[in-house]
N, C-alpha and C. Protein backbone atom coordinates (compact mmCIF):
# COMPACT_ATOMS: atom_id res chain seq x y z
N MET A 1 -42.91 -78.99 20.03
CA MET A 1 -43.19 -78.17 18.85
C MET A 1 -42.35 -76.91 18.92
N GLU A 2 -41.81 -76.50 17.81
CA GLU A 2 -41.02 -75.29 17.73
C GLU A 2 -41.87 -74.21 17.11
N SER A 3 -42.15 -73.16 17.86
CA SER A 3 -43.04 -72.12 17.38
C SER A 3 -42.31 -71.16 16.47
N ALA A 4 -43.11 -70.33 15.76
CA ALA A 4 -42.52 -69.33 14.87
C ALA A 4 -41.65 -68.37 15.64
N GLY A 5 -42.01 -68.08 16.89
CA GLY A 5 -41.23 -67.19 17.70
C GLY A 5 -40.00 -67.84 18.29
N GLY A 6 -39.88 -69.17 18.17
CA GLY A 6 -38.69 -69.85 18.61
C GLY A 6 -38.86 -70.66 19.86
N ALA A 7 -39.89 -70.43 20.66
CA ALA A 7 -40.05 -71.17 21.91
C ALA A 7 -40.48 -72.61 21.60
N ARG A 8 -39.83 -73.56 22.25
CA ARG A 8 -40.21 -74.95 22.06
C ARG A 8 -41.34 -75.28 23.03
N VAL A 9 -42.45 -75.79 22.49
CA VAL A 9 -43.62 -76.10 23.29
C VAL A 9 -43.70 -77.61 23.46
N ASP A 10 -43.68 -78.06 24.69
CA ASP A 10 -43.75 -79.49 24.99
C ASP A 10 -45.14 -79.83 25.52
N VAL A 11 -45.76 -80.82 24.91
CA VAL A 11 -47.07 -81.30 25.34
C VAL A 11 -46.89 -82.69 25.92
N ARG A 12 -47.30 -82.87 27.15
CA ARG A 12 -47.08 -84.14 27.84
C ARG A 12 -47.92 -85.26 27.22
N PRO A 13 -47.40 -86.49 27.25
CA PRO A 13 -48.20 -87.64 26.81
C PRO A 13 -49.48 -87.75 27.64
N LYS A 14 -50.51 -88.29 27.03
CA LYS A 14 -51.82 -88.39 27.69
C LYS A 14 -52.25 -89.84 27.82
N ARG A 15 -52.77 -90.18 28.99
CA ARG A 15 -53.42 -91.47 29.15
C ARG A 15 -54.78 -91.42 28.45
N TYR A 16 -55.31 -92.58 28.14
CA TYR A 16 -56.64 -92.63 27.52
C TYR A 16 -57.67 -91.94 28.41
N SER A 17 -57.56 -92.13 29.71
CA SER A 17 -58.51 -91.50 30.63
C SER A 17 -58.38 -89.98 30.61
N ASP A 18 -57.16 -89.47 30.40
CA ASP A 18 -56.97 -88.02 30.30
C ASP A 18 -57.69 -87.47 29.07
N LEU A 19 -57.57 -88.18 27.96
CA LEU A 19 -58.22 -87.75 26.73
C LEU A 19 -59.73 -87.79 26.88
N ALA A 20 -60.24 -88.85 27.48
CA ALA A 20 -61.69 -88.99 27.65
C ALA A 20 -62.24 -87.90 28.55
N ALA A 21 -61.48 -87.55 29.61
CA ALA A 21 -61.94 -86.51 30.53
C ALA A 21 -61.94 -85.13 29.87
N ALA A 22 -60.98 -84.90 28.97
CA ALA A 22 -60.88 -83.59 28.31
C ALA A 22 -61.90 -83.42 27.21
N LEU A 23 -62.23 -84.50 26.52
CA LEU A 23 -63.14 -84.43 25.37
C LEU A 23 -64.55 -84.81 25.82
N VAL A 24 -65.16 -83.90 26.54
CA VAL A 24 -66.49 -84.15 27.10
C VAL A 24 -67.50 -84.34 25.97
N GLY A 25 -68.30 -85.37 26.06
CA GLY A 25 -69.35 -85.61 25.08
C GLY A 25 -69.03 -86.65 24.05
N ILE A 26 -67.75 -87.01 23.90
CA ILE A 26 -67.40 -88.04 22.92
C ILE A 26 -67.55 -89.42 23.57
N GLY A 27 -68.15 -90.33 22.86
CA GLY A 27 -68.35 -91.67 23.39
C GLY A 27 -67.04 -92.44 23.47
N THR A 28 -66.96 -93.40 24.39
CA THR A 28 -65.74 -94.17 24.57
C THR A 28 -65.36 -94.93 23.30
N SER A 29 -66.33 -95.53 22.66
CA SER A 29 -66.03 -96.31 21.46
C SER A 29 -65.57 -95.40 20.32
N MET A 30 -66.17 -94.22 20.19
CA MET A 30 -65.77 -93.29 19.14
C MET A 30 -64.34 -92.79 19.39
N LEU A 31 -64.03 -92.46 20.65
CA LEU A 31 -62.69 -92.00 20.97
C LEU A 31 -61.66 -93.09 20.67
N ALA A 32 -61.96 -94.31 21.07
CA ALA A 32 -61.04 -95.42 20.81
C ALA A 32 -60.82 -95.60 19.31
N SER A 33 -61.90 -95.46 18.54
CA SER A 33 -61.79 -95.60 17.09
C SER A 33 -60.93 -94.50 16.48
N ARG A 34 -61.15 -93.27 16.94
CA ARG A 34 -60.36 -92.14 16.43
C ARG A 34 -58.88 -92.29 16.77
N MET A 35 -58.59 -92.77 17.98
CA MET A 35 -57.20 -92.95 18.37
C MET A 35 -56.54 -94.04 17.53
N ARG A 36 -57.28 -95.10 17.20
CA ARG A 36 -56.73 -96.15 16.34
C ARG A 36 -56.38 -95.60 14.97
N TYR A 37 -57.29 -94.77 14.41
CA TYR A 37 -57.03 -94.17 13.11
C TYR A 37 -55.78 -93.30 13.15
N LEU A 38 -55.65 -92.49 14.21
CA LEU A 38 -54.50 -91.60 14.33
C LEU A 38 -53.20 -92.39 14.48
N GLU A 39 -53.29 -93.52 15.17
CA GLU A 39 -52.10 -94.36 15.33
C GLU A 39 -51.72 -95.01 14.00
N VAL A 40 -52.70 -95.52 13.28
CA VAL A 40 -52.43 -96.15 11.97
C VAL A 40 -51.84 -95.12 11.00
N ASP A 41 -52.33 -93.89 11.07
CA ASP A 41 -51.84 -92.84 10.17
C ASP A 41 -50.52 -92.23 10.61
N GLY A 42 -49.98 -92.70 11.73
CA GLY A 42 -48.68 -92.21 12.17
C GLY A 42 -48.70 -90.85 12.84
N ILE A 43 -49.88 -90.44 13.32
CA ILE A 43 -49.99 -89.12 13.98
C ILE A 43 -49.69 -89.24 15.47
N VAL A 44 -50.14 -90.33 16.09
CA VAL A 44 -49.85 -90.57 17.50
C VAL A 44 -49.23 -91.96 17.64
N ALA A 45 -48.56 -92.16 18.77
CA ALA A 45 -47.98 -93.46 19.08
C ALA A 45 -48.27 -93.78 20.54
N ARG A 46 -48.38 -95.07 20.84
CA ARG A 46 -48.58 -95.50 22.22
C ARG A 46 -47.26 -96.00 22.79
N ARG A 47 -47.08 -95.75 24.08
CA ARG A 47 -45.92 -96.32 24.76
C ARG A 47 -46.23 -96.48 26.24
N HIS A 48 -45.49 -97.34 26.89
CA HIS A 48 -45.67 -97.59 28.32
C HIS A 48 -44.67 -96.74 29.11
N LEU A 49 -45.18 -95.99 30.07
CA LEU A 49 -44.31 -95.24 30.95
C LEU A 49 -43.66 -96.19 31.95
N PRO A 50 -42.42 -95.94 32.31
CA PRO A 50 -41.75 -96.82 33.29
C PRO A 50 -42.35 -96.63 34.68
N PRO A 51 -42.14 -97.58 35.59
CA PRO A 51 -42.60 -97.42 36.97
C PRO A 51 -42.00 -96.15 37.58
N PRO A 52 -42.67 -95.50 38.52
CA PRO A 52 -43.88 -95.99 39.19
C PRO A 52 -45.18 -95.70 38.43
N ALA A 53 -45.13 -94.90 37.35
CA ALA A 53 -46.37 -94.58 36.62
C ALA A 53 -46.95 -95.84 35.98
N ALA A 54 -46.11 -96.54 35.20
CA ALA A 54 -46.51 -97.80 34.56
C ALA A 54 -47.85 -97.66 33.83
N SER A 55 -48.00 -96.57 33.08
CA SER A 55 -49.24 -96.32 32.37
C SER A 55 -49.01 -96.37 30.86
N LEU A 56 -50.06 -96.72 30.14
CA LEU A 56 -50.04 -96.66 28.68
C LEU A 56 -50.48 -95.25 28.28
N VAL A 57 -49.66 -94.57 27.49
CA VAL A 57 -49.96 -93.19 27.12
C VAL A 57 -49.90 -93.03 25.60
N TYR A 58 -50.56 -91.96 25.14
CA TYR A 58 -50.49 -91.56 23.75
C TYR A 58 -49.66 -90.29 23.65
N GLU A 59 -48.86 -90.20 22.60
CA GLU A 59 -48.08 -88.98 22.38
C GLU A 59 -47.96 -88.73 20.89
N LEU A 60 -47.73 -87.48 20.53
CA LEU A 60 -47.57 -87.12 19.13
C LEU A 60 -46.27 -87.67 18.58
N THR A 61 -46.32 -88.17 17.36
CA THR A 61 -45.12 -88.56 16.63
C THR A 61 -44.52 -87.29 16.00
N PRO A 62 -43.33 -87.37 15.41
CA PRO A 62 -42.81 -86.20 14.69
C PRO A 62 -43.79 -85.69 13.62
N ALA A 63 -44.44 -86.61 12.93
CA ALA A 63 -45.44 -86.19 11.93
C ALA A 63 -46.62 -85.51 12.61
N GLY A 64 -47.01 -86.02 13.77
CA GLY A 64 -48.10 -85.41 14.51
C GLY A 64 -47.76 -84.01 14.98
N ARG A 65 -46.51 -83.81 15.40
CA ARG A 65 -46.08 -82.47 15.81
C ARG A 65 -46.10 -81.50 14.64
N GLU A 66 -45.67 -81.98 13.47
CA GLU A 66 -45.72 -81.13 12.29
C GLU A 66 -47.15 -80.76 11.95
N LEU A 67 -48.07 -81.73 12.07
CA LEU A 67 -49.47 -81.45 11.80
C LEU A 67 -50.01 -80.43 12.80
N ALA A 68 -49.62 -80.56 14.09
CA ALA A 68 -50.07 -79.61 15.09
C ALA A 68 -49.60 -78.20 14.76
N GLU A 69 -48.35 -78.08 14.29
CA GLU A 69 -47.84 -76.76 13.91
C GLU A 69 -48.60 -76.20 12.71
N ALA A 70 -48.94 -77.07 11.76
CA ALA A 70 -49.68 -76.63 10.58
C ALA A 70 -51.08 -76.15 10.95
N MET A 71 -51.65 -76.71 12.03
CA MET A 71 -53.00 -76.34 12.44
C MET A 71 -53.03 -75.12 13.35
N THR A 72 -51.86 -74.65 13.79
CA THR A 72 -51.81 -73.52 14.71
C THR A 72 -52.51 -72.28 14.17
N PRO A 73 -52.28 -71.87 12.90
CA PRO A 73 -53.00 -70.69 12.39
C PRO A 73 -54.52 -70.85 12.45
N LEU A 74 -55.02 -72.06 12.16
CA LEU A 74 -56.46 -72.29 12.24
C LEU A 74 -56.94 -72.18 13.68
N ALA A 75 -56.16 -72.72 14.61
CA ALA A 75 -56.53 -72.62 16.03
C ALA A 75 -56.52 -71.16 16.49
N MET A 76 -55.55 -70.39 16.04
CA MET A 76 -55.50 -68.97 16.43
C MET A 76 -56.68 -68.21 15.84
N TRP A 77 -57.12 -68.60 14.65
CA TRP A 77 -58.34 -67.99 14.09
C TRP A 77 -59.51 -68.26 15.04
N GLY A 78 -59.59 -69.50 15.54
CA GLY A 78 -60.66 -69.83 16.47
C GLY A 78 -60.58 -69.01 17.75
N VAL A 79 -59.36 -68.79 18.26
CA VAL A 79 -59.19 -67.96 19.45
C VAL A 79 -59.69 -66.55 19.19
N ARG A 80 -59.37 -66.01 18.02
CA ARG A 80 -59.72 -64.62 17.72
C ARG A 80 -61.22 -64.43 17.49
N TYR A 81 -61.86 -65.39 16.83
CA TYR A 81 -63.22 -65.15 16.38
C TYR A 81 -64.29 -66.04 17.03
N ARG A 82 -63.89 -67.13 17.67
CA ARG A 82 -64.90 -68.04 18.21
C ARG A 82 -64.78 -68.30 19.69
N LEU A 83 -63.63 -68.01 20.30
CA LEU A 83 -63.43 -68.37 21.70
C LEU A 83 -64.41 -67.67 22.61
N GLY A 84 -64.74 -66.43 22.30
CA GLY A 84 -65.64 -65.68 23.16
C GLY A 84 -67.11 -65.87 22.85
N ALA A 85 -67.45 -66.72 21.87
CA ALA A 85 -68.84 -66.94 21.50
C ALA A 85 -69.57 -67.68 22.62
N PRO A 86 -70.88 -67.46 22.74
CA PRO A 86 -71.64 -68.18 23.78
C PRO A 86 -71.50 -69.69 23.61
N ARG A 87 -71.38 -70.39 24.74
CA ARG A 87 -71.22 -71.84 24.71
C ARG A 87 -72.49 -72.53 25.19
N LEU A 88 -72.75 -73.69 24.59
CA LEU A 88 -73.86 -74.50 25.05
C LEU A 88 -73.48 -75.13 26.40
N PRO A 89 -74.46 -75.53 27.19
CA PRO A 89 -74.16 -76.11 28.51
C PRO A 89 -73.21 -77.31 28.44
N GLU A 90 -73.31 -78.10 27.36
CA GLU A 90 -72.46 -79.29 27.26
C GLU A 90 -71.07 -78.99 26.70
N GLN A 91 -70.84 -77.74 26.26
CA GLN A 91 -69.54 -77.37 25.73
C GLN A 91 -68.63 -76.89 26.85
N THR A 92 -67.39 -77.33 26.83
CA THR A 92 -66.44 -76.98 27.88
C THR A 92 -65.20 -76.34 27.28
N LEU A 93 -64.51 -75.59 28.12
CA LEU A 93 -63.22 -75.02 27.74
C LEU A 93 -62.20 -75.43 28.78
N ARG A 94 -61.08 -75.94 28.33
CA ARG A 94 -59.99 -76.28 29.24
C ARG A 94 -58.85 -75.29 29.00
N ALA A 95 -58.36 -74.74 30.08
CA ALA A 95 -57.37 -73.67 29.98
C ALA A 95 -56.15 -74.08 29.19
N GLU A 96 -55.74 -75.36 29.30
CA GLU A 96 -54.51 -75.78 28.62
C GLU A 96 -54.62 -75.72 27.10
N TRP A 97 -55.86 -75.82 26.57
CA TRP A 97 -56.01 -75.73 25.12
C TRP A 97 -55.55 -74.36 24.62
N SER A 98 -55.98 -73.31 25.30
CA SER A 98 -55.58 -71.96 24.89
C SER A 98 -54.10 -71.72 25.17
N LEU A 99 -53.59 -72.28 26.26
CA LEU A 99 -52.19 -72.04 26.62
C LEU A 99 -51.23 -72.63 25.61
N VAL A 100 -51.57 -73.78 25.04
CA VAL A 100 -50.68 -74.39 24.04
C VAL A 100 -50.45 -73.42 22.89
N PHE A 101 -51.50 -72.78 22.42
CA PHE A 101 -51.36 -71.88 21.28
C PHE A 101 -50.79 -70.52 21.70
N LEU A 102 -51.05 -70.11 22.94
CA LEU A 102 -50.41 -68.91 23.46
C LEU A 102 -48.89 -69.13 23.54
N ALA A 103 -48.50 -70.31 23.99
CA ALA A 103 -47.08 -70.64 24.08
C ALA A 103 -46.41 -70.65 22.72
N GLU A 104 -47.17 -71.04 21.69
CA GLU A 104 -46.61 -71.06 20.34
C GLU A 104 -46.15 -69.68 19.89
N LEU A 105 -46.72 -68.62 20.47
CA LEU A 105 -46.40 -67.26 20.06
C LEU A 105 -45.23 -66.66 20.83
N MET A 106 -44.75 -67.36 21.85
CA MET A 106 -43.75 -66.79 22.74
C MET A 106 -42.36 -66.81 22.13
N ASP A 107 -41.56 -65.82 22.48
CA ASP A 107 -40.22 -65.63 21.94
C ASP A 107 -39.19 -66.37 22.79
N ARG A 108 -38.44 -67.27 22.16
CA ARG A 108 -37.43 -68.05 22.87
C ARG A 108 -36.39 -67.15 23.54
N ASP A 109 -35.94 -66.10 22.86
CA ASP A 109 -34.90 -65.23 23.43
C ASP A 109 -35.34 -64.62 24.75
N ALA A 110 -36.63 -64.25 24.85
CA ALA A 110 -37.13 -63.64 26.08
C ALA A 110 -37.20 -64.64 27.22
N LEU A 111 -37.19 -65.93 26.88
CA LEU A 111 -37.30 -66.98 27.90
C LEU A 111 -35.96 -67.61 28.27
N ALA A 112 -34.89 -67.17 27.63
CA ALA A 112 -33.57 -67.76 27.88
C ALA A 112 -33.18 -67.59 29.35
N GLY A 113 -32.78 -68.69 29.97
CA GLY A 113 -32.33 -68.65 31.35
C GLY A 113 -33.43 -68.57 32.39
N VAL A 114 -34.68 -68.57 31.95
CA VAL A 114 -35.82 -68.44 32.87
C VAL A 114 -36.36 -69.82 33.24
N ARG A 115 -36.54 -70.06 34.52
CA ARG A 115 -37.18 -71.28 35.01
C ARG A 115 -38.26 -70.87 36.00
N ALA A 116 -39.50 -71.11 35.64
CA ALA A 116 -40.61 -70.68 36.49
C ALA A 116 -41.87 -71.44 36.10
N THR A 117 -42.83 -71.46 37.00
CA THR A 117 -44.14 -72.04 36.74
C THR A 117 -45.20 -70.97 36.92
N ILE A 118 -46.02 -70.80 35.89
CA ILE A 118 -47.11 -69.82 35.93
C ILE A 118 -48.43 -70.57 35.85
N GLU A 119 -49.30 -70.34 36.80
CA GLU A 119 -50.61 -70.98 36.82
C GLU A 119 -51.63 -70.04 36.20
N PHE A 120 -52.46 -70.57 35.31
CA PHE A 120 -53.50 -69.79 34.64
C PHE A 120 -54.87 -70.31 35.09
N ARG A 121 -55.71 -69.40 35.53
CA ARG A 121 -57.07 -69.74 35.94
C ARG A 121 -58.04 -69.02 35.01
N VAL A 122 -58.65 -69.79 34.10
CA VAL A 122 -59.56 -69.23 33.10
C VAL A 122 -60.96 -69.74 33.41
N ASP A 123 -61.80 -68.86 33.92
CA ASP A 123 -63.10 -69.26 34.44
C ASP A 123 -62.90 -70.39 35.46
N GLU A 124 -63.53 -71.52 35.25
CA GLU A 124 -63.43 -72.61 36.22
C GLU A 124 -62.31 -73.60 35.90
N SER A 125 -61.54 -73.35 34.84
CA SER A 125 -60.49 -74.28 34.42
C SER A 125 -59.11 -73.74 34.82
N ILE A 126 -58.21 -74.65 35.19
CA ILE A 126 -56.87 -74.28 35.64
C ILE A 126 -55.84 -75.08 34.85
N ALA A 127 -54.77 -74.41 34.44
CA ALA A 127 -53.64 -75.07 33.79
C ALA A 127 -52.37 -74.34 34.18
N GLN A 128 -51.25 -74.91 33.84
CA GLN A 128 -49.97 -74.31 34.20
C GLN A 128 -49.04 -74.29 33.01
N MET A 129 -48.18 -73.28 33.00
CA MET A 129 -47.17 -73.12 31.97
C MET A 129 -45.81 -73.15 32.68
N ARG A 130 -44.98 -74.13 32.31
CA ARG A 130 -43.68 -74.28 32.95
C ARG A 130 -42.60 -73.81 31.98
N LEU A 131 -41.85 -72.80 32.39
CA LEU A 131 -40.80 -72.21 31.57
C LEU A 131 -39.46 -72.79 32.00
N ALA A 132 -38.66 -73.25 31.02
CA ALA A 132 -37.37 -73.85 31.33
C ALA A 132 -36.36 -73.51 30.24
N ASP A 133 -35.77 -72.34 30.34
CA ASP A 133 -34.68 -71.92 29.45
C ASP A 133 -35.05 -72.08 27.97
N GLY A 134 -36.10 -71.41 27.56
CA GLY A 134 -36.52 -71.44 26.16
C GLY A 134 -37.53 -72.51 25.82
N HIS A 135 -37.78 -73.43 26.73
CA HIS A 135 -38.80 -74.46 26.55
C HIS A 135 -40.05 -74.06 27.34
N VAL A 136 -41.19 -74.37 26.77
CA VAL A 136 -42.47 -74.12 27.44
C VAL A 136 -43.24 -75.42 27.49
N GLU A 137 -43.63 -75.84 28.67
CA GLU A 137 -44.43 -77.06 28.83
C GLU A 137 -45.78 -76.68 29.43
N VAL A 138 -46.83 -77.10 28.78
CA VAL A 138 -48.19 -76.81 29.24
C VAL A 138 -48.76 -78.07 29.89
N ARG A 139 -49.28 -77.93 31.10
CA ARG A 139 -49.87 -79.05 31.81
C ARG A 139 -51.26 -78.66 32.32
N PRO A 140 -52.21 -79.58 32.34
CA PRO A 140 -53.51 -79.28 32.93
C PRO A 140 -53.42 -79.29 34.44
N GLY A 141 -54.36 -78.60 35.08
CA GLY A 141 -54.46 -78.64 36.54
C GLY A 141 -53.55 -77.66 37.25
N GLU A 142 -53.68 -77.65 38.57
CA GLU A 142 -52.90 -76.74 39.40
C GLU A 142 -51.43 -77.16 39.44
N ALA A 143 -50.58 -76.18 39.70
CA ALA A 143 -49.16 -76.45 39.83
C ALA A 143 -48.91 -77.29 41.08
N ILE A 144 -47.93 -78.18 40.98
CA ILE A 144 -47.53 -78.96 42.15
C ILE A 144 -46.64 -78.07 43.01
N GLY A 145 -47.06 -77.83 44.23
CA GLY A 145 -46.38 -76.84 45.05
C GLY A 145 -46.87 -75.45 44.70
N GLU A 146 -46.15 -74.45 45.12
CA GLU A 146 -46.58 -73.08 44.90
C GLU A 146 -46.07 -72.57 43.56
N ALA A 147 -46.97 -72.02 42.73
CA ALA A 147 -46.58 -71.45 41.45
C ALA A 147 -45.83 -70.14 41.69
N ASP A 148 -44.92 -69.81 40.78
CA ASP A 148 -44.19 -68.55 40.89
C ASP A 148 -45.09 -67.36 40.62
N ALA A 149 -46.11 -67.57 39.79
CA ALA A 149 -47.06 -66.50 39.48
C ALA A 149 -48.39 -67.12 39.08
N VAL A 150 -49.46 -66.36 39.25
CA VAL A 150 -50.81 -66.82 38.91
C VAL A 150 -51.48 -65.74 38.07
N VAL A 151 -52.08 -66.15 36.96
CA VAL A 151 -52.83 -65.26 36.08
C VAL A 151 -54.28 -65.71 36.10
N THR A 152 -55.19 -64.82 36.48
CA THR A 152 -56.61 -65.14 36.56
C THR A 152 -57.39 -64.26 35.59
N THR A 153 -58.21 -64.89 34.75
CA THR A 153 -59.01 -64.14 33.80
C THR A 153 -60.23 -64.98 33.43
N ASP A 154 -60.96 -64.55 32.41
CA ASP A 154 -62.13 -65.29 31.93
C ASP A 154 -62.00 -65.46 30.43
N VAL A 155 -62.81 -66.36 29.88
CA VAL A 155 -62.67 -66.71 28.48
C VAL A 155 -63.00 -65.54 27.55
N VAL A 156 -63.93 -64.68 27.95
CA VAL A 156 -64.28 -63.52 27.11
C VAL A 156 -63.09 -62.58 26.99
N THR A 157 -62.42 -62.32 28.11
CA THR A 157 -61.24 -61.44 28.09
C THR A 157 -60.11 -62.08 27.30
N LEU A 158 -59.89 -63.38 27.49
CA LEU A 158 -58.85 -64.08 26.76
C LEU A 158 -59.09 -64.01 25.26
N ALA A 159 -60.35 -64.15 24.85
CA ALA A 159 -60.70 -64.06 23.43
C ALA A 159 -60.45 -62.66 22.90
N ALA A 160 -60.78 -61.64 23.69
CA ALA A 160 -60.57 -60.26 23.26
C ALA A 160 -59.09 -59.94 23.09
N ILE A 161 -58.26 -60.46 23.98
CA ILE A 161 -56.81 -60.26 23.85
C ILE A 161 -56.29 -61.00 22.62
N GLY A 162 -56.73 -62.25 22.44
CA GLY A 162 -56.30 -63.04 21.29
C GLY A 162 -56.69 -62.42 19.96
N ALA A 163 -57.81 -61.71 19.94
CA ALA A 163 -58.29 -61.06 18.72
C ALA A 163 -57.74 -59.65 18.56
N ALA A 164 -56.88 -59.22 19.51
CA ALA A 164 -56.29 -57.87 19.50
C ALA A 164 -57.35 -56.79 19.61
N ARG A 165 -58.51 -57.14 20.18
CA ARG A 165 -59.52 -56.12 20.47
C ARG A 165 -59.25 -55.45 21.81
N LEU A 166 -58.44 -56.09 22.62
CA LEU A 166 -58.10 -55.59 23.96
C LEU A 166 -56.66 -55.97 24.22
N SER A 167 -55.86 -54.98 24.62
CA SER A 167 -54.46 -55.30 24.92
C SER A 167 -54.37 -55.91 26.32
N ALA A 168 -53.34 -56.72 26.53
CA ALA A 168 -53.12 -57.31 27.86
C ALA A 168 -52.90 -56.23 28.89
N VAL A 169 -52.19 -55.17 28.51
CA VAL A 169 -51.92 -54.07 29.45
C VAL A 169 -53.23 -53.42 29.89
N ASP A 170 -54.14 -53.17 28.93
CA ASP A 170 -55.43 -52.56 29.28
C ASP A 170 -56.27 -53.52 30.11
N ALA A 171 -56.21 -54.81 29.80
CA ALA A 171 -56.97 -55.80 30.57
C ALA A 171 -56.47 -55.86 32.01
N ILE A 172 -55.16 -55.75 32.20
CA ILE A 172 -54.60 -55.74 33.55
C ILE A 172 -55.04 -54.48 34.30
N ALA A 173 -55.00 -53.33 33.60
CA ALA A 173 -55.40 -52.07 34.23
C ALA A 173 -56.86 -52.10 34.65
N ALA A 174 -57.71 -52.77 33.85
CA ALA A 174 -59.14 -52.85 34.15
C ALA A 174 -59.47 -54.00 35.08
N GLU A 175 -58.45 -54.73 35.52
CA GLU A 175 -58.60 -55.89 36.42
C GLU A 175 -59.42 -57.00 35.79
N ARG A 176 -59.43 -57.05 34.46
CA ARG A 176 -60.02 -58.20 33.78
C ARG A 176 -59.01 -59.35 33.72
N VAL A 177 -57.75 -59.01 33.88
CA VAL A 177 -56.68 -59.99 34.10
C VAL A 177 -56.03 -59.63 35.42
N VAL A 178 -56.03 -60.55 36.35
CA VAL A 178 -55.46 -60.30 37.68
C VAL A 178 -54.17 -61.10 37.82
N LEU A 179 -53.10 -60.41 38.21
CA LEU A 179 -51.79 -61.01 38.34
C LEU A 179 -51.43 -61.14 39.81
N ASP A 180 -50.83 -62.27 40.14
CA ASP A 180 -50.39 -62.49 41.51
C ASP A 180 -49.06 -63.24 41.46
N GLY A 181 -48.16 -62.93 42.39
CA GLY A 181 -46.90 -63.65 42.46
C GLY A 181 -45.71 -62.78 42.14
N ASP A 182 -44.65 -63.40 41.65
CA ASP A 182 -43.37 -62.75 41.40
C ASP A 182 -43.48 -61.80 40.20
N PRO A 183 -43.33 -60.48 40.42
CA PRO A 183 -43.44 -59.53 39.29
C PRO A 183 -42.43 -59.78 38.19
N SER A 184 -41.24 -60.28 38.51
CA SER A 184 -40.24 -60.50 37.47
C SER A 184 -40.66 -61.63 36.54
N VAL A 185 -41.34 -62.65 37.06
CA VAL A 185 -41.83 -63.74 36.23
C VAL A 185 -42.95 -63.24 35.33
N LEU A 186 -43.83 -62.43 35.87
CA LEU A 186 -44.92 -61.87 35.08
C LEU A 186 -44.38 -60.96 33.98
N GLN A 187 -43.30 -60.22 34.30
CA GLN A 187 -42.68 -59.38 33.30
C GLN A 187 -42.10 -60.21 32.16
N VAL A 188 -41.49 -61.34 32.47
CA VAL A 188 -40.96 -62.23 31.44
C VAL A 188 -42.09 -62.72 30.54
N LEU A 189 -43.22 -63.07 31.14
CA LEU A 189 -44.38 -63.53 30.35
C LEU A 189 -44.80 -62.46 29.36
N LEU A 190 -44.93 -61.23 29.81
CA LEU A 190 -45.35 -60.14 28.92
C LEU A 190 -44.30 -59.86 27.85
N ALA A 191 -43.03 -59.91 28.24
CA ALA A 191 -41.96 -59.63 27.28
C ALA A 191 -41.87 -60.69 26.19
N ALA A 192 -42.28 -61.92 26.51
CA ALA A 192 -42.17 -63.02 25.55
C ALA A 192 -43.32 -63.05 24.55
N LEU A 193 -44.42 -62.37 24.87
CA LEU A 193 -45.59 -62.38 23.99
C LEU A 193 -45.48 -61.31 22.92
N PRO A 194 -46.16 -61.49 21.78
CA PRO A 194 -46.12 -60.47 20.72
C PRO A 194 -46.64 -59.13 21.22
N SER A 195 -46.02 -58.06 20.76
CA SER A 195 -46.40 -56.72 21.18
C SER A 195 -47.86 -56.41 20.88
N ALA A 196 -48.38 -56.96 19.76
CA ALA A 196 -49.78 -56.69 19.39
C ALA A 196 -50.74 -57.18 20.44
N LEU A 197 -50.40 -58.27 21.14
CA LEU A 197 -51.27 -58.78 22.20
C LEU A 197 -51.07 -58.02 23.50
N VAL A 198 -49.83 -57.61 23.76
CA VAL A 198 -49.53 -56.97 25.04
C VAL A 198 -49.97 -55.51 25.04
N ASN A 199 -49.59 -54.78 23.99
CA ASN A 199 -49.84 -53.33 23.95
C ASN A 199 -50.95 -52.92 23.01
N GLY A 200 -51.45 -53.82 22.19
CA GLY A 200 -52.40 -53.45 21.17
C GLY A 200 -51.68 -53.31 19.84
N GLU A 201 -52.44 -53.15 18.76
CA GLU A 201 -51.87 -53.12 17.42
C GLU A 201 -50.81 -52.05 17.24
N ALA A 202 -50.98 -50.93 17.90
CA ALA A 202 -50.04 -49.82 17.71
C ALA A 202 -48.91 -49.83 18.71
N GLY A 203 -48.89 -50.88 19.56
CA GLY A 203 -47.90 -50.90 20.63
C GLY A 203 -46.50 -51.09 20.13
N GLY A 204 -45.54 -50.72 20.97
CA GLY A 204 -44.14 -50.89 20.64
C GLY A 204 -43.62 -52.14 21.28
N ASN A 205 -42.39 -52.05 21.80
CA ASN A 205 -41.78 -53.18 22.47
C ASN A 205 -42.59 -53.56 23.69
N SER A 206 -42.89 -54.87 23.85
CA SER A 206 -43.75 -55.30 24.95
C SER A 206 -43.14 -54.97 26.30
N SER A 207 -41.81 -55.07 26.42
CA SER A 207 -41.19 -54.80 27.71
C SER A 207 -41.29 -53.34 28.07
N ALA A 208 -41.49 -52.45 27.06
CA ALA A 208 -41.61 -51.03 27.36
C ALA A 208 -42.93 -50.70 28.00
N ALA A 209 -43.95 -51.56 27.82
CA ALA A 209 -45.28 -51.25 28.34
C ALA A 209 -45.34 -51.41 29.85
N ALA A 210 -44.58 -52.33 30.38
CA ALA A 210 -44.66 -52.60 31.80
C ALA A 210 -43.28 -52.97 32.31
N PRO A 211 -42.40 -51.97 32.53
CA PRO A 211 -41.07 -52.26 33.01
C PRO A 211 -41.11 -53.10 34.28
N ALA A 212 -40.11 -53.94 34.45
CA ALA A 212 -40.10 -54.87 35.56
C ALA A 212 -40.25 -54.16 36.89
N GLY A 213 -39.71 -52.97 37.01
CA GLY A 213 -39.80 -52.25 38.26
C GLY A 213 -41.16 -51.68 38.54
N GLU A 214 -42.02 -51.57 37.48
CA GLU A 214 -43.34 -50.96 37.65
C GLU A 214 -44.46 -51.97 37.68
N LEU A 215 -44.22 -53.18 37.18
CA LEU A 215 -45.27 -54.20 37.14
C LEU A 215 -45.52 -54.71 38.55
N LYS A 216 -46.72 -54.57 39.00
CA LYS A 216 -47.08 -54.99 40.36
C LYS A 216 -48.05 -56.16 40.30
N ALA A 217 -47.82 -57.16 41.11
CA ALA A 217 -48.79 -58.24 41.24
C ALA A 217 -49.98 -57.72 42.02
N MET A 218 -51.18 -58.11 41.55
CA MET A 218 -52.40 -57.62 42.18
C MET A 218 -52.61 -58.32 43.50
């Protein structure tokens, strides 16, 4: 997906078991039915991965990617106004869901020439964001090997930042967002995000808020 800011967001194909594990509470038969409808409507397609994986996976078609882009504003509304709402015990949050839409806001120019993996820990959920010269790939779970940087926060703080009620800079200062790892990678992350999220509504250039030489990993 190509975001408004220019960063290309890549979402990995999913096995049926991946989808079932992520969508807690949906019955197997209902999920299978929904996937059939999406396939018939040309939103997703199935394909077999070559060995050694040799798995059947689902992935978005070009039409599906366009639909995902069209739904981004609605998803961002949910981040701003519903993400921090109390959840029922059976409701779950997976970090990669928020990261996909966060990645949509990132600026391609700020990511040019950058190759790094950033791990995000949001409450009990973990996901990773892989930066590769203007491309952003979001994957569930911990990074394979050591991540270049780690961002730890909670869903309430993430919702407050997404709603511009709390700037990322203030959240870092209050230790509601804890940074660990390579400061230069963390600086790239902040520089690529919209200034309104990093500095607050009145903020200026995001890179001015936390110069690379002053940003310290916690």
